[in-house]
Amino acid sequence: GGKVPMAGQLEPKPQLSPEQEAVAEVSEWAARHPSYGVRVYRTFAG
């Protein structure tokens, strides 16, 4: 009847795009290897 239970819990956390998720994974890998220089590029397929 127009009342949504626990409405506040339905608000999602900010979602990363697939590209942001992929770059974040590389960023985490780079953080584990601080002596390496890492350059990340977007390509047509990934």
All heavy atoms as atom14 arrays in JSON, in Angstrom:
{
  "sequence": "GGKVPMAGQLEPKPQLSPEQEAVAEVSEWAARHPSYGVRVYRTFAG",
  "atom14_mask": [
    [1, 1, 1, 1, 0, 0, 0, 0, 0, 0, 0, 0, 0, 0],
    [1, 1, 1, 1, 0, 0, 0, 0, 0, 0, 0, 0, 0, 0],
    [1, 1, 1, 1, 1, 1, 1, 1, 1, 0, 0, 0, 0, 0],
    [1, 1, 1, 1, 1, 1, 1, 0, 0, 0, 0, 0, 0, 0],
    [1, 1, 1, 1, 1, 1, 1, 0, 0, 0, 0, 0, 0, 0],
    [1, 1, 1, 1, 1, 1, 1, 1, 0, 0, 0, 0, 0, 0],
    [1, 1, 1, 1, 1, 0, 0, 0, 0, 0, 0, 0, 0, 0],
    [1, 1, 1, 1, 0, 0, 0, 0, 0, 0, 0, 0, 0, 0],
    [1, 1, 1, 1, 1, 1, 1, 1, 1, 0, 0, 0, 0, 0],
    [1, 1, 1, 1, 1, 1, 1, 1, 0, 0, 0, 0, 0, 0],
    [1, 1, 1, 1, 1, 1, 1, 1, 1, 0, 0, 0, 0, 0],
    [1, 1, 1, 1, 1, 1, 1, 0, 0, 0, 0, 0, 0, 0],
    [1, 1, 1, 1, 1, 1, 1, 1, 1, 0, 0, 0, 0, 0],
    [1, 1, 1, 1, 1, 1, 1, 0, 0, 0, 0, 0, 0, 0],
    [1, 1, 1, 1, 1, 1, 1, 1, 1, 0, 0, 0, 0, 0],
    [1, 1, 1, 1, 1, 1, 1, 1, 0, 0, 0, 0, 0, 0],
    [1, 1, 1, 1, 1, 1, 0, 0, 0, 0, 0, 0, 0, 0],
    [1, 1, 1, 1, 1, 1, 1, 0, 0, 0, 0, 0, 0, 0],
    [1, 1, 1, 1, 1, 1, 1, 1, 1, 0, 0, 0, 0, 0],
    [1, 1, 1, 1, 1, 1, 1, 1, 1, 0, 0, 0, 0, 0],
    [1, 1, 1, 1, 1, 1, 1, 1, 1, 0, 0, 0, 0, 0],
    [1, 1, 1, 1, 1, 0, 0, 0, 0, 0, 0, 0, 0, 0],
    [1, 1, 1, 1, 1, 1, 1, 0, 0, 0, 0, 0, 0, 0],
    [1, 1, 1, 1, 1, 0, 0, 0, 0, 0, 0, 0, 0, 0],
    [1, 1, 1, 1, 1, 1, 1, 1, 1, 0, 0, 0, 0, 0],
    [1, 1, 1, 1, 1, 1, 1, 0, 0, 0, 0, 0, 0, 0],
    [1, 1, 1, 1, 1, 1, 0, 0, 0, 0, 0, 0, 0, 0],
    [1, 1, 1, 1, 1, 1, 1, 1, 1, 0, 0, 0, 0, 0],
    [1, 1, 1, 1, 1, 1, 1, 1, 1, 1, 1, 1, 1, 1],
    [1, 1, 1, 1, 1, 0, 0, 0, 0, 0, 0, 0, 0, 0],
    [1, 1, 1, 1, 1, 0, 0, 0, 0, 0, 0, 0, 0, 0],
    [1, 1, 1, 1, 1, 1, 1, 1, 1, 1, 1, 0, 0, 0],
    [1, 1, 1, 1, 1, 1, 1, 1, 1, 1, 0, 0, 0, 0],
    [1, 1, 1, 1, 1, 1, 1, 0, 0, 0, 0, 0, 0, 0],
    [1, 1, 1, 1, 1, 1, 0, 0, 0, 0, 0, 0, 0, 0],
    [1, 1, 1, 1, 1, 1, 1, 1, 1, 1, 1, 1, 0, 0],
    [1, 1, 1, 1, 0, 0, 0, 0, 0, 0, 0, 0, 0, 0],
    [1, 1, 1, 1, 1, 1, 1, 0, 0, 0, 0, 0, 0, 0],
    [1, 1, 1, 1, 1, 1, 1, 1, 1, 1, 1, 0, 0, 0],
    [1, 1, 1, 1, 1, 1, 1, 0, 0, 0, 0, 0, 0, 0],
    [1, 1, 1, 1, 1, 1, 1, 1, 1, 1, 1, 1, 0, 0],
    [1, 1, 1, 1, 1, 1, 1, 1, 1, 1, 1, 0, 0, 0],
    [1, 1, 1, 1, 1, 1, 1, 0, 0, 0, 0, 0, 0, 0],
    [1, 1, 1, 1, 1, 1, 1, 1, 1, 1, 1, 0, 0, 0],
    [1, 1, 1, 1, 1, 0, 0, 0, 0, 0, 0, 0, 0, 0],
    [1, 1, 1, 1, 0, 0, 0, 0, 0, 0, 0, 0, 0, 0]
  ],
  "atom14_positions": [
    [[0.79, -1.22, 0.0], [0.0, 0.0, 0.0], [0.81, 1.26, 0.0], [0.45, 2.26, 0.62], [0.0, 0.0, 0.0], [0.0, 0.0, 0.0], [0.0, 0.0, 0.0], [0.0, 0.0, 0.0], [0.0, 0.0, 0.0], [0.0, 0.0, 0.0], [0.0, 0.0, 0.0], [0.0, 0.0, 0.0], [0.0, 0.0, 0.0], [0.0, 0.0, 0.0]],
    [[1.93, 1.24, -0.67], [2.76, 2.44, -0.78], [3.85, 2.53, 0.26], [4.69, 3.4, 0.2], [0.0, 0.0, 0.0], [0.0, 0.0, 0.0], [0.0, 0.0, 0.0], [0.0, 0.0, 0.0], [0.0, 0.0, 0.0], [0.0, 0.0, 0.0], [0.0, 0.0, 0.0], [0.0, 0.0, 0.0], [0.0, 0.0, 0.0], [0.0, 0.0, 0.0]],
    [[3.82, 1.64, 1.25], [4.86, 1.65, 2.28], [5.84, 0.5, 2.04], [5.43, -0.65, 1.98], [4.24, 1.52, 3.66], [3.35, 2.69, 4.03], [2.78, 2.51, 5.42], [1.89, 3.69, 5.8], [1.33, 3.53, 7.17], [0.0, 0.0, 0.0], [0.0, 0.0, 0.0], [0.0, 0.0, 0.0], [0.0, 0.0, 0.0], [0.0, 0.0, 0.0]],
    [[7.07, 0.82, 1.9], [8.09, -0.19, 1.63], [8.82, -0.49, 2.92], [9.44, 0.39, 3.51], [9.1, 0.3, 0.57], [10.13, -0.77, 0.29], [8.36, 0.71, -0.69], [0.0, 0.0, 0.0], [0.0, 0.0, 0.0], [0.0, 0.0, 0.0], [0.0, 0.0, 0.0], [0.0, 0.0, 0.0], [0.0, 0.0, 0.0], [0.0, 0.0, 0.0]],
    [[8.78, -1.72, 3.42], [9.49, -2.04, 4.65], [11.0, -1.95, 4.46], [11.54, -2.33, 3.44], [9.07, -3.49, 4.93], [8.68, -4.04, 3.59], [8.08, -2.88, 2.84], [0.0, 0.0, 0.0], [0.0, 0.0, 0.0], [0.0, 0.0, 0.0], [0.0, 0.0, 0.0], [0.0, 0.0, 0.0], [0.0, 0.0, 0.0], [0.0, 0.0, 0.0]],
    [[11.66, -1.41, 5.49], [13.11, -1.3, 5.52], [13.64, -0.62, 4.25], [14.56, -1.08, 3.6], [13.77, -2.68, 5.68], [13.4, -3.37, 6.98], [14.28, -4.93, 7.2], [13.69, -5.86, 5.81], [0.0, 0.0, 0.0], [0.0, 0.0, 0.0], [0.0, 0.0, 0.0], [0.0, 0.0, 0.0], [0.0, 0.0, 0.0], [0.0, 0.0, 0.0]],
    [[12.99, 0.48, 3.9], [13.34, 1.16, 2.65], [14.8, 1.57, 2.62], [15.45, 1.53, 1.59], [12.44, 2.37, 2.45], [0.0, 0.0, 0.0], [0.0, 0.0, 0.0], [0.0, 0.0, 0.0], [0.0, 0.0, 0.0], [0.0, 0.0, 0.0], [0.0, 0.0, 0.0], [0.0, 0.0, 0.0], [0.0, 0.0, 0.0], [0.0, 0.0, 0.0]],
    [[15.31, 1.97, 3.78], [16.69, 2.43, 3.82], [17.67, 1.35, 3.43], [18.73, 1.62, 2.88], [0.0, 0.0, 0.0], [0.0, 0.0, 0.0], [0.0, 0.0, 0.0], [0.0, 0.0, 0.0], [0.0, 0.0, 0.0], [0.0, 0.0, 0.0], [0.0, 0.0, 0.0], [0.0, 0.0, 0.0], [0.0, 0.0, 0.0], [0.0, 0.0, 0.0]],
    [[17.3, 0.11, 3.68], [18.21, -0.97, 3.35], [18.21, -1.32, 1.87], [19.01, -2.11, 1.42], [17.83, -2.22, 4.16], [18.0, -2.01, 5.66], [17.69, -3.27, 6.44], [17.62, -4.36, 5.87], [17.48, -3.13, 7.74], [0.0, 0.0, 0.0], [0.0, 0.0, 0.0], [0.0, 0.0, 0.0], [0.0, 0.0, 0.0], [0.0, 0.0, 0.0]],
    [[17.25, -0.74, 1.14], [17.18, -1.02, -0.28], [18.11, -0.15, -1.1], [18.31, -0.4, -2.28], [15.75, -0.84, -0.78], [14.74, -1.87, -0.26], [13.34, -1.51, -0.73], [15.1, -3.27, -0.73], [0.0, 0.0, 0.0], [0.0, 0.0, 0.0], [0.0, 0.0, 0.0], [0.0, 0.0, 0.0], [0.0, 0.0, 0.0], [0.0, 0.0, 0.0]],
    [[18.64, 0.91, -0.49], [19.53, 1.77, -1.23], [20.88, 1.07, -1.42], [21.53, 0.71, -0.44], [19.75, 3.1, -0.5], [18.55, 4.03, -0.58], [18.23, 4.38, -2.02], [19.16, 4.64, -2.8], [17.04, 4.39, -2.38], [0.0, 0.0, 0.0], [0.0, 0.0, 0.0], [0.0, 0.0, 0.0], [0.0, 0.0, 0.0], [0.0, 0.0, 0.0]],
    [[21.29, 0.83, -2.66], [22.53, 0.08, -2.88], [23.76, 0.95, -2.64], [23.72, 2.17, -2.71], [22.44, -0.29, -4.37], [21.66, 0.86, -4.96], [20.64, 1.24, -3.91], [0.0, 0.0, 0.0], [0.0, 0.0, 0.0], [0.0, 0.0, 0.0], [0.0, 0.0, 0.0], [0.0, 0.0, 0.0], [0.0, 0.0, 0.0], [0.0, 0.0, 0.0]],
    [[24.86, 0.26, -2.34], [26.12, 0.97, -2.27], [26.55, 1.34, -3.69], [26.15, 0.7, -4.65], [27.18, 0.08, -1.62], [26.88, -0.27, -0.18], [27.97, -1.16, 0.39], [27.67, -1.51, 1.85], [28.71, -2.39, 2.43], [0.0, 0.0, 0.0], [0.0, 0.0, 0.0], [0.0, 0.0, 0.0], [0.0, 0.0, 0.0], [0.0, 0.0, 0.0]],
    [[27.36, 2.39, -3.83], [27.82, 2.76, -5.18], [28.47, 1.56, -5.87], [29.29, 0.86, -5.29], [28.84, 3.87, -4.9], [28.43, 4.43, -3.58], [27.88, 3.29, -2.79], [0.0, 0.0, 0.0], [0.0, 0.0, 0.0], [0.0, 0.0, 0.0], [0.0, 0.0, 0.0], [0.0, 0.0, 0.0], [0.0, 0.0, 0.0], [0.0, 0.0, 0.0]],
    [[28.07, 1.34, -7.1], [28.56, 0.2, -7.85], [29.68, 0.61, -8.8], [29.58, 1.63, -9.47], [27.43, -0.44, -8.66], [26.3, -1.0, -7.8], [26.75, -2.21, -7.01], [27.34, -3.14, -7.56], [26.48, -2.2, -5.72], [0.0, 0.0, 0.0], [0.0, 0.0, 0.0], [0.0, 0.0, 0.0], [0.0, 0.0, 0.0], [0.0, 0.0, 0.0]],
    [[30.75, -0.2, -8.84], [31.81, 0.05, -9.79], [31.41, -0.51, -11.15], [30.74, -1.53, -11.25], [33.11, -0.63, -9.33], [33.72, -0.14, -8.02], [34.96, -0.97, -7.7], [34.08, 1.33, -8.09], [0.0, 0.0, 0.0], [0.0, 0.0, 0.0], [0.0, 0.0, 0.0], [0.0, 0.0, 0.0], [0.0, 0.0, 0.0], [0.0, 0.0, 0.0]],
    [[31.84, 0.18, -12.2], [31.63, -0.35, -13.54], [32.56, -1.55, -13.75], [33.53, -1.72, -13.01], [31.93, 0.73, -14.59], [33.33, 0.99, -14.62], [0.0, 0.0, 0.0], [0.0, 0.0, 0.0], [0.0, 0.0, 0.0], [0.0, 0.0, 0.0], [0.0, 0.0, 0.0], [0.0, 0.0, 0.0], [0.0, 0.0, 0.0], [0.0, 0.0, 0.0]],
    [[32.26, -2.4, -14.75], [33.18, -3.52, -15.02], [34.61, -3.07, -15.26], [35.56, -3.73, -14.82], [32.57, -4.17, -16.26], [31.11, -3.84, -16.17], [31.05, -2.47, -15.57], [0.0, 0.0, 0.0], [0.0, 0.0, 0.0], [0.0, 0.0, 0.0], [0.0, 0.0, 0.0], [0.0, 0.0, 0.0], [0.0, 0.0, 0.0], [0.0, 0.0, 0.0]],
    [[34.78, -1.93, -15.94], [36.15, -1.44, -16.17], [36.8, -1.03, -14.86], [37.96, -1.36, -14.61], [36.13, -0.25, -17.13], [37.51, 0.33, -17.4], [37.51, 1.49, -18.38], [37.01, 1.31, -19.5], [37.98, 2.57, -17.99], [0.0, 0.0, 0.0], [0.0, 0.0, 0.0], [0.0, 0.0, 0.0], [0.0, 0.0, 0.0], [0.0, 0.0, 0.0]],
    [[36.05, -0.34, -14.0], [36.61, 0.08, -12.72], [36.97, -1.12, -11.85], [37.98, -1.12, -11.15], [35.6, 0.98, -11.99], [35.43, 2.34, -12.63], [34.26, 3.13, -12.04], [33.27, 2.54, -11.58], [34.38, 4.44, -12.03], [0.0, 0.0, 0.0], [0.0, 0.0, 0.0], [0.0, 0.0, 0.0], [0.0, 0.0, 0.0], [0.0, 0.0, 0.0]],
    [[36.15, -2.17, -11.9], [36.44, -3.37, -11.13], [37.73, -4.02, -11.63], [38.58, -4.45, -10.84], [35.28, -4.37, -11.25], [34.03, -3.95, -10.5], [32.93, -4.98, -10.66], [33.1, -5.94, -11.45], [31.88, -4.83, -9.99], [0.0, 0.0, 0.0], [0.0, 0.0, 0.0], [0.0, 0.0, 0.0], [0.0, 0.0, 0.0], [0.0, 0.0, 0.0]],
    [[37.87, -4.09, -12.96], [39.06, -4.71, -13.53], [40.31, -3.92, -13.19], [41.36, -4.49, -12.85], [38.91, -4.84, -15.05], [0.0, 0.0, 0.0], [0.0, 0.0, 0.0], [0.0, 0.0, 0.0], [0.0, 0.0, 0.0], [0.0, 0.0, 0.0], [0.0, 0.0, 0.0], [0.0, 0.0, 0.0], [0.0, 0.0, 0.0], [0.0, 0.0, 0.0]],
    [[40.23, -2.6, -13.28], [41.38, -1.76, -12.95], [41.71, -1.85, -11.47], [42.88, -1.86, -11.08], [41.12, -0.3, -13.37], [42.25, 0.61, -12.9], [40.97, -0.19, -14.88], [0.0, 0.0, 0.0], [0.0, 0.0, 0.0], [0.0, 0.0, 0.0], [0.0, 0.0, 0.0], [0.0, 0.0, 0.0], [0.0, 0.0, 0.0], [0.0, 0.0, 0.0]],
    [[40.67, -1.95, -10.64], [40.9, -2.07, -9.2], [41.67, -3.35, -8.88], [42.54, -3.36, -8.0], [39.57, -2.05, -8.45], [0.0, 0.0, 0.0], [0.0, 0.0, 0.0], [0.0, 0.0, 0.0], [0.0, 0.0, 0.0], [0.0, 0.0, 0.0], [0.0, 0.0, 0.0], [0.0, 0.0, 0.0], [0.0, 0.0, 0.0], [0.0, 0.0, 0.0]],
    [[41.38, -4.43, -9.61], [42.1, -5.68, -9.4], [43.58, -5.52, -9.77], [44.46, -6.03, -9.06], [41.46, -6.8, -10.22], [40.07, -7.18, -9.72], [39.4, -8.19, -10.63], [40.07, -8.73, -11.54], [38.19, -8.44, -10.44], [0.0, 0.0, 0.0], [0.0, 0.0, 0.0], [0.0, 0.0, 0.0], [0.0, 0.0, 0.0], [0.0, 0.0, 0.0]],
    [[43.85, -4.82, -10.87], [45.24, -4.58, -11.25], [45.92, -3.68, -10.23], [47.09, -3.88, -9.87], [45.32, -3.96, -12.66], [46.78, -3.67, -13.02], [44.71, -4.88, -13.7], [0.0, 0.0, 0.0], [0.0, 0.0, 0.0], [0.0, 0.0, 0.0], [0.0, 0.0, 0.0], [0.0, 0.0, 0.0], [0.0, 0.0, 0.0], [0.0, 0.0, 0.0]],
    [[45.17, -2.68, -9.73], [45.72, -1.78, -8.72], [46.12, -2.54, -7.46], [47.19, -2.29, -6.87], [44.68, -0.7, -8.37], [45.14, 0.12, -7.32], [0.0, 0.0, 0.0], [0.0, 0.0, 0.0], [0.0, 0.0, 0.0], [0.0, 0.0, 0.0], [0.0, 0.0, 0.0], [0.0, 0.0, 0.0], [0.0, 0.0, 0.0], [0.0, 0.0, 0.0]],
    [[45.28, -3.49, -7.05], [45.6, -4.3, -5.88], [46.84, -5.16, -6.13], [47.68, -5.32, -5.24], [44.4, -5.18, -5.52], [43.21, -4.39, -5.0], [41.97, -5.26, -4.86], [42.06, -6.48, -5.14], [40.91, -4.73, -4.47], [0.0, 0.0, 0.0], [0.0, 0.0, 0.0], [0.0, 0.0, 0.0], [0.0, 0.0, 0.0], [0.0, 0.0, 0.0]],
    [[46.94, -5.68, -7.35], [48.12, -6.47, -7.69], [49.36, -5.6, -7.66], [50.42, -6.0, -7.14], [47.94, -7.09, -9.08], [49.06, -8.0, -9.48], [49.17, -9.34, -9.25], [50.26, -7.61, -10.17], [50.36, -9.82, -9.74], [51.05, -8.79, -10.31], [50.75, -6.41, -10.67], [52.29, -8.78, -10.94], [51.99, -6.4, -11.29], [52.74, -7.57, -11.43]],
    [[49.26, -4.39, -8.22], [50.41, -3.48, -8.24], [50.83, -3.1, -6.82], [52.03, -2.97, -6.53], [50.07, -2.22, -9.04], [0.0, 0.0, 0.0], [0.0, 0.0, 0.0], [0.0, 0.0, 0.0], [0.0, 0.0, 0.0], [0.0, 0.0, 0.0], [0.0, 0.0, 0.0], [0.0, 0.0, 0.0], [0.0, 0.0, 0.0], [0.0, 0.0, 0.0]],
    [[49.86, -2.95, -5.92], [50.18, -2.6, -4.54], [50.97, -3.71, -3.85], [51.78, -3.44, -2.95], [48.9, -2.32, -3.76], [0.0, 0.0, 0.0], [0.0, 0.0, 0.0], [0.0, 0.0, 0.0], [0.0, 0.0, 0.0], [0.0, 0.0, 0.0], [0.0, 0.0, 0.0], [0.0, 0.0, 0.0], [0.0, 0.0, 0.0], [0.0, 0.0, 0.0]],
    [[50.78, -4.95, -4.3], [51.52, -6.07, -3.73], [52.92, -6.19, -4.33], [53.74, -6.98, -3.84], [50.76, -7.38, -3.94], [49.41, -7.43, -3.24], [48.87, -8.86, -3.17], [48.67, -9.44, -4.49], [47.55, -9.34, -5.19], [46.51, -8.64, -4.7], [47.43, -9.91, -6.38], [0.0, 0.0, 0.0], [0.0, 0.0, 0.0], [0.0, 0.0, 0.0]],
    [[53.18, -5.42, -5.4], [54.48, -5.46, -6.07], [54.95, -4.02, -6.29], [55.05, -3.54, -7.43], [54.38, -6.2, -7.4], [53.86, -7.61, -7.27], [52.53, -7.9, -7.23], [54.52, -8.79, -7.14], [52.38, -9.21, -7.1], [53.56, -9.76, -7.03], [0.0, 0.0, 0.0], [0.0, 0.0, 0.0], [0.0, 0.0, 0.0], [0.0, 0.0, 0.0]],
    [[55.25, -3.29, -5.21], [55.55, -1.86, -5.32], [56.8, -1.53, -6.11], [56.98, -0.37, -6.51], [55.67, -1.42, -3.86], [56.04, -2.68, -3.12], [55.33, -3.78, -3.83], [0.0, 0.0, 0.0], [0.0, 0.0, 0.0], [0.0, 0.0, 0.0], [0.0, 0.0, 0.0], [0.0, 0.0, 0.0], [0.0, 0.0, 0.0], [0.0, 0.0, 0.0]],
    [[57.68, -2.51, -6.34], [58.9, -2.21, -7.1], [58.67, -2.24, -8.6], [59.55, -1.81, -9.36], [60.01, -3.21, -6.72], [59.64, -4.53, -7.12], [0.0, 0.0, 0.0], [0.0, 0.0, 0.0], [0.0, 0.0, 0.0], [0.0, 0.0, 0.0], [0.0, 0.0, 0.0], [0.0, 0.0, 0.0], [0.0, 0.0, 0.0], [0.0, 0.0, 0.0]],
    [[57.54, -2.73, -9.05], [57.23, -2.8, -10.47], [56.54, -1.52, -10.93], [55.76, -0.92, -10.19], [56.3, -3.97, -10.78], [56.85, -5.35, -10.52], [56.03, -6.47, -10.55], [58.2, -5.55, -10.22], [56.51, -7.75, -10.31], [58.7, -6.82, -9.98], [57.84, -7.92, -10.01], [58.33, -9.17, -9.77], [0.0, 0.0, 0.0], [0.0, 0.0, 0.0]],
    [[56.83, -1.13, -12.17], [56.05, -0.07, -12.8], [54.91, -0.72, -13.59], [55.14, -1.64, -14.37], [0.0, 0.0, 0.0], [0.0, 0.0, 0.0], [0.0, 0.0, 0.0], [0.0, 0.0, 0.0], [0.0, 0.0, 0.0], [0.0, 0.0, 0.0], [0.0, 0.0, 0.0], [0.0, 0.0, 0.0], [0.0, 0.0, 0.0], [0.0, 0.0, 0.0]],
    [[53.69, -0.27, -13.37], [52.52, -0.89, -13.98], [51.73, 0.16, -14.75], [51.42, 1.23, -14.23], [51.62, -1.55, -12.91], [50.4, -2.19, -13.56], [52.41, -2.58, -12.12], [0.0, 0.0, 0.0], [0.0, 0.0, 0.0], [0.0, 0.0, 0.0], [0.0, 0.0, 0.0], [0.0, 0.0, 0.0], [0.0, 0.0, 0.0], [0.0, 0.0, 0.0]],
    [[51.43, -0.14, -16.0], [50.64, 0.75, -16.86], [49.43, -0.04, -17.35], [49.58, -1.15, -17.89], [51.47, 1.26, -18.04], [52.71, 2.02, -17.63], [53.61, 2.36, -18.81], [53.0, 3.28, -19.74], [52.99, 4.6, -19.59], [53.59, 5.15, -18.53], [52.43, 5.38, -20.49], [0.0, 0.0, 0.0], [0.0, 0.0, 0.0], [0.0, 0.0, 0.0]],
    [[48.24, 0.53, -17.18], [47.0, -0.16, -17.53], [46.33, 0.57, -18.69], [46.16, 1.79, -18.64], [46.03, -0.23, -16.34], [44.83, -1.11, -16.67], [46.74, -0.74, -15.09], [0.0, 0.0, 0.0], [0.0, 0.0, 0.0], [0.0, 0.0, 0.0], [0.0, 0.0, 0.0], [0.0, 0.0, 0.0], [0.0, 0.0, 0.0], [0.0, 0.0, 0.0]],
    [[45.98, -0.2, -19.71], [45.35, 0.36, -20.91], [44.01, -0.33, -21.14], [43.86, -1.54, -20.9], [46.22, 0.12, -22.15], [47.61, 0.7, -22.07], [48.62, 0.04, -21.38], [47.92, 1.91, -22.7], [49.91, 0.55, -21.31], [49.21, 2.42, -22.64], [50.2, 1.75, -21.95], [51.47, 2.26, -21.9], [0.0, 0.0, 0.0], [0.0, 0.0, 0.0]],
    [[43.05, 0.42, -21.64], [41.79, -0.17, -22.09], [41.96, -0.54, -23.56], [42.47, 0.25, -24.36], [40.64, 0.84, -21.94], [39.31, 0.37, -22.53], [38.72, -0.79, -21.74], [37.57, -1.37, -22.43], [36.3, -1.03, -22.2], [36.02, -0.09, -21.29], [35.32, -1.61, -22.84], [0.0, 0.0, 0.0], [0.0, 0.0, 0.0], [0.0, 0.0, 0.0]],
    [[41.55, -1.74, -23.92], [41.56, -2.19, -25.31], [40.13, -2.45, -25.75], [39.19, -2.38, -24.96], [42.4, -3.47, -25.48], [41.76, -4.54, -24.78], [43.81, -3.28, -24.95], [0.0, 0.0, 0.0], [0.0, 0.0, 0.0], [0.0, 0.0, 0.0], [0.0, 0.0, 0.0], [0.0, 0.0, 0.0], [0.0, 0.0, 0.0], [0.0, 0.0, 0.0]],
    [[39.96, -2.79, -27.01], [38.63, -3.09, -27.53], [38.01, -4.27, -26.79], [36.8, -4.29, -26.54], [38.73, -3.41, -29.02], [37.4, -3.62, -29.7], [36.73, -2.56, -30.28], [36.84, -4.89, -29.76], [35.51, -2.76, -30.9], [35.62, -5.1, -30.38], [34.95, -4.02, -30.96], [0.0, 0.0, 0.0], [0.0, 0.0, 0.0], [0.0, 0.0, 0.0]],
    [[38.84, -5.25, -26.41], [38.33, -6.49, -25.82], [38.63, -6.63, -24.33], [38.36, -7.68, -23.75], [38.9, -7.7, -26.57], [0.0, 0.0, 0.0], [0.0, 0.0, 0.0], [0.0, 0.0, 0.0], [0.0, 0.0, 0.0], [0.0, 0.0, 0.0], [0.0, 0.0, 0.0], [0.0, 0.0, 0.0], [0.0, 0.0, 0.0], [0.0, 0.0, 0.0]],
    [[39.19, -5.61, -23.7], [39.49, -5.74, -22.27], [40.57, -4.78, -21.83], [40.49, -3.57, -22.06], [0.0, 0.0, 0.0], [0.0, 0.0, 0.0], [0.0, 0.0, 0.0], [0.0, 0.0, 0.0], [0.0, 0.0, 0.0], [0.0, 0.0, 0.0], [0.0, 0.0, 0.0], [0.0, 0.0, 0.0], [0.0, 0.0, 0.0], [0.0, 0.0, 0.0]]
  ]
}
